[in-house]
Amino acid sequence: MTNDRPSPAMLMLRMFGTIFFFMFLMSMFWNGLSGTNMFPFRAVIGASVALTILFTSVGWTVSTAGSKLLLKNNEEYQDWKKKGGRPYWDSLGWPINTATPIERQTGLAEPEYPPGMTPPDHHQYQCPVCGCRVEKQIDICPLCNYGADGDSSAYVRRWGTSPPSSPPQCSGPSCQPKPQGWRPVS
């Protein structure tokens, strides 16, 4: 199973870049306002590295420990973790983590959609073959037509579980086909 989430190293690099950008702007403003070089470039880099390490270590520790403590009996959370979910890294927002919410949830990147074919934002599931957003957990994919033939092997390969069961079939006497012209007795 592939995992299309950005790596932690890439996320830390983006975090450093974001912090550095703001620290550099603040140093330029402060140095320009005061007419001094109070915050030299190497101090901006050092502070950016220190803040990246601080934010990452505290954030990772709190979110990982909190998740283990609060969600240890949650089956859905445990399945998400087994499939590559990362409590801290997947919680980071833009501009650090540019993955879409569905990519953070499933680890599968969305495909490039043809013009006029983009699914609505409320579709919260993904096709196990191409990653297209679909409305229901088991649905016919509008992009690759997965599910049209009833084969669920790609679902099992992607998610590692059997697909949700269909509603039970009716087997009682009230479910038998009625003869033509039948009507209930009143």
N, C-alpha and C. Protein backbone atom coordinates (compact mmCIF):
# COMPACT_ATOMS: atom_id res chain seq x y z
N MET A 1 0.85 -1.17 0.00
CA MET A 1 0.00 0.00 0.00
C MET A 1 0.90 1.24 0.00
N THR A 2 0.62 2.17 -0.89
CA THR A 2 1.41 3.39 -0.95
C THR A 2 0.86 4.41 0.03
N ASN A 3 1.74 5.27 0.46
CA ASN A 3 1.35 6.33 1.37
C ASN A 3 1.81 7.64 0.74
N ASP A 4 0.87 8.45 0.30
CA ASP A 4 1.19 9.68 -0.40
C ASP A 4 1.30 10.90 0.51
N ARG A 5 1.32 10.69 1.81
CA ARG A 5 1.50 11.81 2.72
C ARG A 5 2.94 12.31 2.63
N PRO A 6 3.15 13.63 2.83
CA PRO A 6 4.53 14.14 2.84
C PRO A 6 5.30 13.53 4.02
N SER A 7 6.58 13.30 3.83
CA SER A 7 7.40 12.71 4.89
C SER A 7 7.59 13.70 6.04
N PRO A 8 7.86 13.19 7.26
CA PRO A 8 8.14 14.10 8.37
C PRO A 8 9.32 15.03 8.10
N ALA A 9 10.34 14.55 7.39
CA ALA A 9 11.48 15.42 7.07
C ALA A 9 11.04 16.58 6.19
N MET A 10 10.19 16.31 5.21
CA MET A 10 9.69 17.37 4.33
C MET A 10 8.83 18.36 5.12
N LEU A 11 8.02 17.84 6.04
CA LEU A 11 7.17 18.72 6.85
C LEU A 11 8.02 19.59 7.77
N MET A 12 9.10 19.02 8.33
CA MET A 12 9.98 19.83 9.19
C MET A 12 10.69 20.90 8.37
N LEU A 13 11.08 20.56 7.15
CA LEU A 13 11.73 21.55 6.28
C LEU A 13 10.76 22.68 5.95
N ARG A 14 9.51 22.34 5.67
CA ARG A 14 8.50 23.37 5.40
C ARG A 14 8.24 24.22 6.65
N MET A 15 8.24 23.56 7.82
CA MET A 15 8.03 24.31 9.06
C MET A 15 9.19 25.28 9.28
N PHE A 16 10.41 24.81 9.05
CA PHE A 16 11.58 25.69 9.18
C PHE A 16 11.46 26.86 8.22
N GLY A 17 11.10 26.58 6.96
CA GLY A 17 10.96 27.65 5.97
C GLY A 17 9.92 28.67 6.36
N THR A 18 8.80 28.21 6.88
CA THR A 18 7.73 29.11 7.30
C THR A 18 8.18 29.98 8.47
N ILE A 19 8.79 29.37 9.47
CA ILE A 19 9.28 30.12 10.63
C ILE A 19 10.37 31.10 10.20
N PHE A 20 11.28 30.62 9.35
CA PHE A 20 12.37 31.47 8.87
C PHE A 20 11.82 32.69 8.14
N PHE A 21 10.82 32.47 7.28
CA PHE A 21 10.23 33.58 6.53
C PHE A 21 9.72 34.67 7.47
N PHE A 22 8.96 34.28 8.48
CA PHE A 22 8.41 35.27 9.41
C PHE A 22 9.50 35.89 10.29
N MET A 23 10.45 35.09 10.72
CA MET A 23 11.56 35.63 11.53
C MET A 23 12.38 36.63 10.71
N PHE A 24 12.61 36.30 9.44
CA PHE A 24 13.40 37.20 8.58
C PHE A 24 12.66 38.52 8.39
N LEU A 25 11.35 38.46 8.13
CA LEU A 25 10.57 39.69 7.99
C LEU A 25 10.61 40.53 9.27
N MET A 26 10.48 39.85 10.42
CA MET A 26 10.53 40.58 11.69
C MET A 26 11.90 41.22 11.91
N SER A 27 12.99 40.49 11.57
CA SER A 27 14.33 41.06 11.76
C SER A 27 14.55 42.24 10.82
N MET A 28 14.06 42.13 9.58
CA MET A 28 14.20 43.25 8.63
C MET A 28 13.45 44.47 9.16
N PHE A 29 12.24 44.24 9.66
CA PHE A 29 11.44 45.34 10.21
C PHE A 29 12.14 45.96 11.42
N TRP A 30 12.58 45.11 12.35
CA TRP A 30 13.20 45.61 13.57
C TRP A 30 14.52 46.30 13.27
N ASN A 31 15.35 45.68 12.43
CA ASN A 31 16.64 46.29 12.10
C ASN A 31 16.45 47.59 11.34
N GLY A 32 15.46 47.64 10.45
CA GLY A 32 15.19 48.87 9.71
C GLY A 32 14.64 49.95 10.61
N LEU A 33 13.79 49.57 11.56
CA LEU A 33 13.19 50.53 12.47
C LEU A 33 14.22 51.10 13.44
N SER A 34 15.11 50.24 13.93
CA SER A 34 16.10 50.68 14.92
C SER A 34 17.37 51.22 14.28
N GLY A 35 17.58 50.96 13.00
CA GLY A 35 18.79 51.43 12.33
C GLY A 35 20.03 50.66 12.75
N THR A 36 19.84 49.49 13.34
CA THR A 36 20.98 48.67 13.78
C THR A 36 20.88 47.29 13.13
N ASN A 37 21.86 46.47 13.43
CA ASN A 37 21.82 45.07 12.98
C ASN A 37 21.64 44.20 14.21
N MET A 38 20.59 44.49 14.98
CA MET A 38 20.35 43.79 16.24
C MET A 38 20.07 42.31 16.02
N PHE A 39 19.40 41.98 14.92
CA PHE A 39 19.10 40.59 14.59
C PHE A 39 19.81 40.22 13.30
N PRO A 40 21.07 39.77 13.39
CA PRO A 40 21.80 39.40 12.17
C PRO A 40 21.21 38.12 11.56
N PHE A 41 21.60 37.87 10.33
CA PHE A 41 21.06 36.74 9.58
C PHE A 41 21.29 35.41 10.30
N ARG A 42 22.46 35.23 10.88
CA ARG A 42 22.74 33.95 11.57
C ARG A 42 21.85 33.78 12.80
N ALA A 43 21.46 34.89 13.45
CA ALA A 43 20.54 34.80 14.59
C ALA A 43 19.15 34.39 14.12
N VAL A 44 18.75 34.87 12.95
CA VAL A 44 17.45 34.49 12.39
C VAL A 44 17.44 33.00 12.06
N ILE A 45 18.51 32.51 11.47
CA ILE A 45 18.60 31.07 11.15
C ILE A 45 18.60 30.26 12.44
N GLY A 46 19.40 30.66 13.42
CA GLY A 46 19.46 29.94 14.70
C GLY A 46 18.12 29.90 15.41
N ALA A 47 17.44 31.04 15.46
CA ALA A 47 16.13 31.09 16.11
C ALA A 47 15.12 30.24 15.34
N SER A 48 15.19 30.22 14.02
CA SER A 48 14.28 29.41 13.21
C SER A 48 14.50 27.92 13.46
N VAL A 49 15.75 27.51 13.55
CA VAL A 49 16.06 26.10 13.85
C VAL A 49 15.55 25.75 15.25
N ALA A 50 15.83 26.61 16.23
CA ALA A 50 15.41 26.34 17.61
C ALA A 50 13.88 26.26 17.72
N LEU A 51 13.17 27.18 17.08
CA LEU A 51 11.71 27.14 17.14
C LEU A 51 11.13 25.93 16.41
N THR A 52 11.75 25.54 15.31
CA THR A 52 11.29 24.34 14.59
C THR A 52 11.44 23.12 15.48
N ILE A 53 12.57 22.99 16.13
CA ILE A 53 12.80 21.84 17.02
C ILE A 53 11.85 21.90 18.21
N LEU A 54 11.66 23.08 18.78
CA LEU A 54 10.77 23.22 19.94
C LEU A 54 9.32 22.88 19.57
N PHE A 55 8.82 23.49 18.50
CA PHE A 55 7.43 23.24 18.09
C PHE A 55 7.22 21.77 17.75
N THR A 56 8.18 21.19 17.02
CA THR A 56 8.04 19.79 16.62
C THR A 56 8.09 18.86 17.82
N SER A 57 9.04 19.05 18.71
CA SER A 57 9.17 18.12 19.85
C SER A 57 7.99 18.24 20.80
N VAL A 58 7.57 19.45 21.13
CA VAL A 58 6.44 19.61 22.04
C VAL A 58 5.14 19.14 21.37
N GLY A 59 4.91 19.57 20.13
CA GLY A 59 3.69 19.18 19.42
C GLY A 59 3.59 17.68 19.22
N TRP A 60 4.70 17.05 18.80
CA TRP A 60 4.70 15.61 18.57
C TRP A 60 4.46 14.87 19.89
N THR A 61 5.13 15.28 20.97
CA THR A 61 4.98 14.61 22.26
C THR A 61 3.54 14.72 22.77
N VAL A 62 2.99 15.92 22.73
CA VAL A 62 1.64 16.13 23.25
C VAL A 62 0.61 15.38 22.40
N SER A 63 0.68 15.50 21.08
CA SER A 63 -0.35 14.85 20.25
C SER A 63 -0.20 13.34 20.26
N THR A 64 1.00 12.82 20.26
CA THR A 64 1.19 11.37 20.27
C THR A 64 0.78 10.78 21.62
N ALA A 65 1.24 11.38 22.70
CA ALA A 65 0.87 10.88 24.03
C ALA A 65 -0.63 11.03 24.28
N GLY A 66 -1.19 12.18 23.88
CA GLY A 66 -2.62 12.39 24.06
C GLY A 66 -3.45 11.40 23.25
N SER A 67 -3.03 11.14 22.03
CA SER A 67 -3.75 10.18 21.19
C SER A 67 -3.68 8.77 21.77
N LYS A 68 -2.50 8.39 22.25
CA LYS A 68 -2.37 7.06 22.84
C LYS A 68 -3.22 6.93 24.10
N LEU A 69 -3.28 7.99 24.88
CA LEU A 69 -4.04 7.97 26.12
C LEU A 69 -5.55 8.02 25.87
N LEU A 70 -5.98 8.92 25.00
CA LEU A 70 -7.41 9.13 24.80
C LEU A 70 -8.05 8.22 23.77
N LEU A 71 -7.27 7.76 22.80
CA LEU A 71 -7.86 7.00 21.69
C LEU A 71 -7.37 5.56 21.61
N LYS A 72 -6.82 5.04 22.70
CA LYS A 72 -6.25 3.69 22.64
C LYS A 72 -7.30 2.61 22.38
N ASN A 73 -8.56 2.84 22.73
CA ASN A 73 -9.61 1.84 22.50
C ASN A 73 -10.50 2.17 21.31
N ASN A 74 -10.16 3.19 20.55
CA ASN A 74 -10.96 3.59 19.41
C ASN A 74 -10.50 2.79 18.18
N GLU A 75 -11.35 1.89 17.69
CA GLU A 75 -10.98 1.02 16.56
C GLU A 75 -10.68 1.81 15.30
N GLU A 76 -11.48 2.82 15.03
CA GLU A 76 -11.28 3.62 13.82
C GLU A 76 -9.91 4.31 13.84
N TYR A 77 -9.54 4.84 15.02
CA TYR A 77 -8.24 5.48 15.15
C TYR A 77 -7.11 4.45 14.99
N GLN A 78 -7.26 3.29 15.59
CA GLN A 78 -6.23 2.26 15.48
C GLN A 78 -6.06 1.80 14.03
N ASP A 79 -7.17 1.67 13.28
CA ASP A 79 -7.09 1.31 11.85
C ASP A 79 -6.37 2.40 11.07
N TRP A 80 -6.68 3.66 11.38
CA TRP A 80 -6.03 4.78 10.70
C TRP A 80 -4.52 4.76 10.96
N LYS A 81 -4.14 4.46 12.21
CA LYS A 81 -2.71 4.38 12.54
C LYS A 81 -2.03 3.25 11.78
N LYS A 82 -2.69 2.08 11.69
CA LYS A 82 -2.11 0.93 10.98
C LYS A 82 -1.90 1.24 9.50
N LYS A 83 -2.75 2.10 8.95
CA LYS A 83 -2.66 2.45 7.54
C LYS A 83 -1.72 3.63 7.28
N GLY A 84 -0.98 4.04 8.30
CA GLY A 84 0.01 5.09 8.11
C GLY A 84 -0.34 6.43 8.69
N GLY A 85 -1.44 6.54 9.42
CA GLY A 85 -1.83 7.82 10.01
C GLY A 85 -0.83 8.26 11.08
N ARG A 86 -0.56 9.55 11.12
CA ARG A 86 0.39 10.11 12.08
C ARG A 86 -0.29 11.27 12.80
N PRO A 87 -0.54 11.12 14.11
CA PRO A 87 -1.33 12.13 14.83
C PRO A 87 -0.78 13.55 14.71
N TYR A 88 0.50 13.74 14.88
CA TYR A 88 1.05 15.09 14.85
C TYR A 88 1.19 15.60 13.42
N TRP A 89 1.87 14.84 12.58
CA TRP A 89 2.18 15.30 11.24
C TRP A 89 0.93 15.54 10.40
N ASP A 90 -0.08 14.69 10.56
CA ASP A 90 -1.31 14.86 9.78
C ASP A 90 -2.19 15.97 10.32
N SER A 91 -1.90 16.48 11.51
CA SER A 91 -2.70 17.57 12.06
C SER A 91 -2.18 18.95 11.65
N LEU A 92 -0.96 18.99 11.12
CA LEU A 92 -0.40 20.28 10.70
C LEU A 92 -1.14 20.79 9.47
N GLY A 93 -1.39 22.08 9.45
CA GLY A 93 -2.12 22.67 8.34
C GLY A 93 -1.23 23.36 7.33
N TRP A 94 -1.87 24.04 6.41
CA TRP A 94 -1.16 24.77 5.39
C TRP A 94 -0.42 25.94 6.04
N PRO A 95 0.74 26.31 5.66
CA PRO A 95 1.55 25.95 4.51
C PRO A 95 2.52 24.80 4.77
N ILE A 96 2.48 24.24 5.98
CA ILE A 96 3.43 23.18 6.31
C ILE A 96 3.00 21.85 5.68
N ASN A 97 1.78 21.45 5.93
CA ASN A 97 1.27 20.20 5.35
C ASN A 97 0.25 20.58 4.28
N THR A 98 0.64 20.43 3.02
CA THR A 98 -0.21 20.84 1.91
C THR A 98 -1.14 19.73 1.43
N ALA A 99 -1.13 18.59 2.10
CA ALA A 99 -2.02 17.49 1.72
C ALA A 99 -3.47 17.90 1.99
N THR A 100 -4.37 17.42 1.15
CA THR A 100 -5.79 17.70 1.36
C THR A 100 -6.28 16.91 2.56
N PRO A 101 -7.39 17.31 3.17
CA PRO A 101 -7.89 16.55 4.32
C PRO A 101 -8.12 15.07 4.02
N ILE A 102 -8.58 14.75 2.82
CA ILE A 102 -8.81 13.33 2.50
C ILE A 102 -7.49 12.59 2.34
N GLU A 103 -6.44 13.27 1.86
CA GLU A 103 -5.12 12.64 1.77
C GLU A 103 -4.56 12.39 3.17
N ARG A 104 -4.81 13.31 4.10
CA ARG A 104 -4.34 13.11 5.48
C ARG A 104 -5.06 11.95 6.13
N GLN A 105 -6.33 11.79 5.79
CA GLN A 105 -7.13 10.72 6.39
C GLN A 105 -6.77 9.36 5.82
N THR A 106 -6.55 9.29 4.51
CA THR A 106 -6.35 7.99 3.86
C THR A 106 -4.93 7.74 3.41
N GLY A 107 -4.15 8.78 3.19
CA GLY A 107 -2.79 8.61 2.69
C GLY A 107 -2.73 8.44 1.19
N LEU A 108 -3.86 8.48 0.51
CA LEU A 108 -3.91 8.29 -0.93
C LEU A 108 -4.20 9.64 -1.59
N ALA A 109 -3.30 10.07 -2.47
CA ALA A 109 -3.46 11.35 -3.14
C ALA A 109 -4.64 11.32 -4.10
N GLU A 110 -5.27 12.46 -4.26
CA GLU A 110 -6.36 12.56 -5.23
C GLU A 110 -5.78 12.68 -6.63
N PRO A 111 -6.48 12.13 -7.63
CA PRO A 111 -5.98 12.24 -9.01
C PRO A 111 -6.26 13.62 -9.59
N GLU A 112 -5.69 13.86 -10.75
CA GLU A 112 -6.04 15.07 -11.51
C GLU A 112 -7.38 14.79 -12.17
N TYR A 113 -8.37 15.64 -11.91
CA TYR A 113 -9.70 15.44 -12.46
C TYR A 113 -9.83 16.13 -13.81
N PRO A 114 -10.53 15.49 -14.76
CA PRO A 114 -10.81 16.19 -16.02
C PRO A 114 -11.69 17.41 -15.75
N PRO A 115 -11.66 18.40 -16.63
CA PRO A 115 -12.49 19.59 -16.42
C PRO A 115 -13.97 19.22 -16.25
N GLY A 116 -14.59 19.80 -15.25
CA GLY A 116 -16.01 19.57 -15.00
C GLY A 116 -16.31 18.27 -14.30
N MET A 117 -15.29 17.53 -13.86
CA MET A 117 -15.51 16.21 -13.26
C MET A 117 -15.16 16.19 -11.77
N THR A 118 -14.77 17.31 -11.18
CA THR A 118 -14.35 17.33 -9.78
C THR A 118 -15.53 16.98 -8.88
N PRO A 119 -15.38 15.94 -8.02
CA PRO A 119 -16.47 15.56 -7.12
C PRO A 119 -16.72 16.65 -6.07
N PRO A 120 -17.94 16.69 -5.51
CA PRO A 120 -18.24 17.67 -4.47
C PRO A 120 -17.36 17.47 -3.23
N ASP A 121 -17.16 18.55 -2.49
CA ASP A 121 -16.31 18.49 -1.30
C ASP A 121 -16.89 17.60 -0.20
N HIS A 122 -18.20 17.40 -0.18
CA HIS A 122 -18.78 16.58 0.89
C HIS A 122 -18.54 15.08 0.69
N HIS A 123 -18.00 14.67 -0.44
CA HIS A 123 -17.66 13.25 -0.64
C HIS A 123 -16.42 12.96 0.21
N GLN A 124 -16.57 12.10 1.21
CA GLN A 124 -15.50 11.90 2.19
C GLN A 124 -14.76 10.57 2.05
N TYR A 125 -15.10 9.77 1.06
CA TYR A 125 -14.42 8.50 0.85
C TYR A 125 -13.62 8.55 -0.44
N GLN A 126 -12.74 7.57 -0.63
CA GLN A 126 -11.92 7.53 -1.83
C GLN A 126 -12.02 6.18 -2.50
N CYS A 127 -11.95 6.21 -3.83
CA CYS A 127 -11.88 4.99 -4.61
C CYS A 127 -10.55 4.30 -4.28
N PRO A 128 -10.55 3.00 -4.00
CA PRO A 128 -9.30 2.34 -3.65
C PRO A 128 -8.35 2.14 -4.83
N VAL A 129 -8.82 2.37 -6.04
CA VAL A 129 -7.99 2.17 -7.23
C VAL A 129 -7.32 3.47 -7.65
N CYS A 130 -8.11 4.53 -7.86
CA CYS A 130 -7.54 5.77 -8.42
C CYS A 130 -7.49 6.92 -7.43
N GLY A 131 -8.17 6.82 -6.27
CA GLY A 131 -8.14 7.87 -5.27
C GLY A 131 -9.18 8.94 -5.45
N CYS A 132 -10.06 8.80 -6.43
CA CYS A 132 -11.11 9.78 -6.67
C CYS A 132 -12.07 9.80 -5.47
N ARG A 133 -12.52 11.00 -5.09
CA ARG A 133 -13.48 11.10 -4.00
C ARG A 133 -14.82 10.51 -4.43
N VAL A 134 -15.41 9.69 -3.55
CA VAL A 134 -16.73 9.11 -3.81
C VAL A 134 -17.63 9.38 -2.60
N GLU A 135 -18.93 9.27 -2.82
CA GLU A 135 -19.89 9.64 -1.78
C GLU A 135 -19.96 8.61 -0.66
N LYS A 136 -19.97 7.33 -1.01
CA LYS A 136 -20.14 6.27 -0.01
C LYS A 136 -18.87 5.43 0.08
N GLN A 137 -18.75 4.70 1.17
CA GLN A 137 -17.56 3.87 1.37
C GLN A 137 -17.40 2.87 0.24
N ILE A 138 -18.47 2.24 -0.17
CA ILE A 138 -18.47 1.36 -1.34
C ILE A 138 -19.36 2.04 -2.37
N ASP A 139 -18.75 2.49 -3.46
CA ASP A 139 -19.48 3.27 -4.46
C ASP A 139 -18.86 3.01 -5.82
N ILE A 140 -19.57 3.36 -6.87
CA ILE A 140 -19.02 3.27 -8.22
C ILE A 140 -18.24 4.55 -8.48
N CYS A 141 -16.97 4.38 -8.84
CA CYS A 141 -16.09 5.52 -9.06
C CYS A 141 -16.45 6.18 -10.39
N PRO A 142 -16.65 7.50 -10.38
CA PRO A 142 -16.98 8.18 -11.63
C PRO A 142 -15.77 8.31 -12.56
N LEU A 143 -14.57 8.12 -12.04
CA LEU A 143 -13.37 8.31 -12.84
C LEU A 143 -12.88 7.01 -13.48
N CYS A 144 -12.78 5.93 -12.68
CA CYS A 144 -12.25 4.68 -13.23
C CYS A 144 -13.29 3.57 -13.30
N ASN A 145 -14.51 3.86 -12.86
CA ASN A 145 -15.64 2.92 -12.90
C ASN A 145 -15.46 1.73 -11.96
N TYR A 146 -14.57 1.84 -10.96
CA TYR A 146 -14.41 0.77 -9.99
C TYR A 146 -15.73 0.55 -9.25
N GLY A 147 -16.09 -0.67 -9.03
CA GLY A 147 -17.30 -1.02 -8.30
C GLY A 147 -18.48 -1.31 -9.19
N ALA A 148 -18.38 -1.00 -10.48
CA ALA A 148 -19.52 -1.23 -11.37
C ALA A 148 -19.80 -2.72 -11.55
N ASP A 149 -18.75 -3.54 -11.46
CA ASP A 149 -18.94 -4.99 -11.64
C ASP A 149 -19.12 -5.75 -10.33
N GLY A 150 -19.12 -5.04 -9.20
CA GLY A 150 -19.33 -5.68 -7.90
C GLY A 150 -18.08 -6.30 -7.31
N ASP A 151 -16.93 -6.22 -7.99
CA ASP A 151 -15.69 -6.78 -7.48
C ASP A 151 -15.11 -5.86 -6.41
N SER A 152 -14.85 -6.39 -5.22
CA SER A 152 -14.33 -5.56 -4.13
C SER A 152 -12.90 -5.92 -3.76
N SER A 153 -12.18 -6.62 -4.63
CA SER A 153 -10.82 -7.05 -4.30
C SER A 153 -9.87 -5.85 -4.12
N ALA A 154 -10.05 -4.79 -4.89
CA ALA A 154 -9.20 -3.60 -4.73
C ALA A 154 -9.44 -2.94 -3.38
N TYR A 155 -10.67 -2.96 -2.93
CA TYR A 155 -11.00 -2.39 -1.61
C TYR A 155 -10.25 -3.16 -0.53
N VAL A 156 -10.29 -4.48 -0.60
CA VAL A 156 -9.62 -5.32 0.41
C VAL A 156 -8.11 -5.11 0.35
N ARG A 157 -7.54 -5.03 -0.86
CA ARG A 157 -6.09 -4.80 -1.00
C ARG A 157 -5.70 -3.44 -0.42
N ARG A 158 -6.49 -2.42 -0.68
CA ARG A 158 -6.15 -1.06 -0.24
C ARG A 158 -6.35 -0.87 1.25
N TRP A 159 -7.49 -1.27 1.77
CA TRP A 159 -7.84 -0.97 3.16
C TRP A 159 -7.59 -2.14 4.10
N GLY A 160 -7.33 -3.34 3.59
CA GLY A 160 -6.98 -4.47 4.43
C GLY A 160 -8.13 -5.08 5.19
N THR A 161 -9.35 -4.70 4.89
CA THR A 161 -10.52 -5.25 5.56
C THR A 161 -11.54 -5.62 4.51
N SER A 162 -12.52 -6.35 4.92
CA SER A 162 -13.59 -6.65 3.98
C SER A 162 -14.50 -5.44 3.87
N PRO A 163 -15.12 -5.25 2.71
CA PRO A 163 -16.00 -4.09 2.57
C PRO A 163 -17.19 -4.19 3.49
N PRO A 164 -17.83 -3.08 3.79
CA PRO A 164 -19.01 -3.13 4.66
C PRO A 164 -20.05 -4.07 4.06
N SER A 165 -20.70 -4.83 4.93
CA SER A 165 -21.67 -5.80 4.43
C SER A 165 -22.89 -5.09 3.89
N SER A 166 -23.50 -5.72 2.91
CA SER A 166 -24.73 -5.16 2.36
C SER A 166 -25.86 -5.48 3.32
N PRO A 167 -26.98 -4.78 3.22
CA PRO A 167 -28.08 -5.06 4.13
C PRO A 167 -28.54 -6.50 3.99
N PRO A 168 -28.99 -7.11 5.09
CA PRO A 168 -29.39 -8.51 5.02
C PRO A 168 -30.52 -8.70 4.01
N GLN A 169 -30.45 -9.82 3.32
CA GLN A 169 -31.48 -10.15 2.34
C GLN A 169 -32.73 -10.64 3.06
N CYS A 170 -33.85 -10.27 2.57
CA CYS A 170 -35.12 -10.68 3.15
C CYS A 170 -35.37 -12.15 2.79
N SER A 171 -35.68 -12.97 3.79
CA SER A 171 -35.90 -14.39 3.50
C SER A 171 -37.20 -14.93 4.08
N GLY A 172 -37.97 -14.09 4.72
CA GLY A 172 -39.23 -14.56 5.32
C GLY A 172 -40.34 -14.70 4.29
N PRO A 173 -41.51 -15.22 4.72
CA PRO A 173 -42.60 -15.41 3.78
C PRO A 173 -43.12 -14.10 3.19
N SER A 174 -42.95 -12.98 3.91
CA SER A 174 -43.44 -11.71 3.38
C SER A 174 -42.57 -11.21 2.23
N CYS A 175 -41.39 -11.83 2.04
CA CYS A 175 -40.48 -11.39 0.99
C CYS A 175 -40.67 -12.17 -0.31
N GLN A 176 -41.44 -13.21 -0.30
CA GLN A 176 -41.64 -14.02 -1.50
C GLN A 176 -42.37 -13.20 -2.54
N PRO A 177 -42.06 -13.43 -3.82
CA PRO A 177 -42.76 -12.69 -4.85
C PRO A 177 -44.26 -12.97 -4.80
N LYS A 178 -45.03 -11.98 -5.02
CA LYS A 178 -46.48 -12.09 -4.98
C LYS A 178 -47.01 -12.45 -6.37
N PRO A 179 -48.04 -13.30 -6.43
CA PRO A 179 -48.62 -13.61 -7.73
C PRO A 179 -49.27 -12.38 -8.34
N GLN A 180 -49.33 -12.39 -9.67
CA GLN A 180 -49.92 -11.25 -10.38
C GLN A 180 -51.37 -11.10 -9.94
N GLY A 181 -51.80 -9.89 -9.71
CA GLY A 181 -53.15 -9.61 -9.28
C GLY A 181 -53.35 -9.74 -7.77
N TRP A 182 -52.30 -10.01 -7.02
CA TRP A 182 -52.38 -10.16 -5.57
C TRP A 182 -52.64 -8.82 -4.93
N ARG A 183 -53.46 -8.81 -3.91
CA ARG A 183 -53.67 -7.60 -3.10
C ARG A 183 -53.91 -8.03 -1.67
N PRO A 184 -53.52 -7.19 -0.71
CA PRO A 184 -53.68 -7.57 0.70
C PRO A 184 -55.15 -7.65 1.08
N VAL A 185 -55.44 -8.52 2.06
CA VAL A 185 -56.81 -8.67 2.56
C VAL A 185 -57.06 -7.55 3.55
N SER A 186 -58.20 -6.87 3.40
CA SER A 186 -58.48 -5.78 4.33
C SER A 186 -59.55 -6.14 5.32
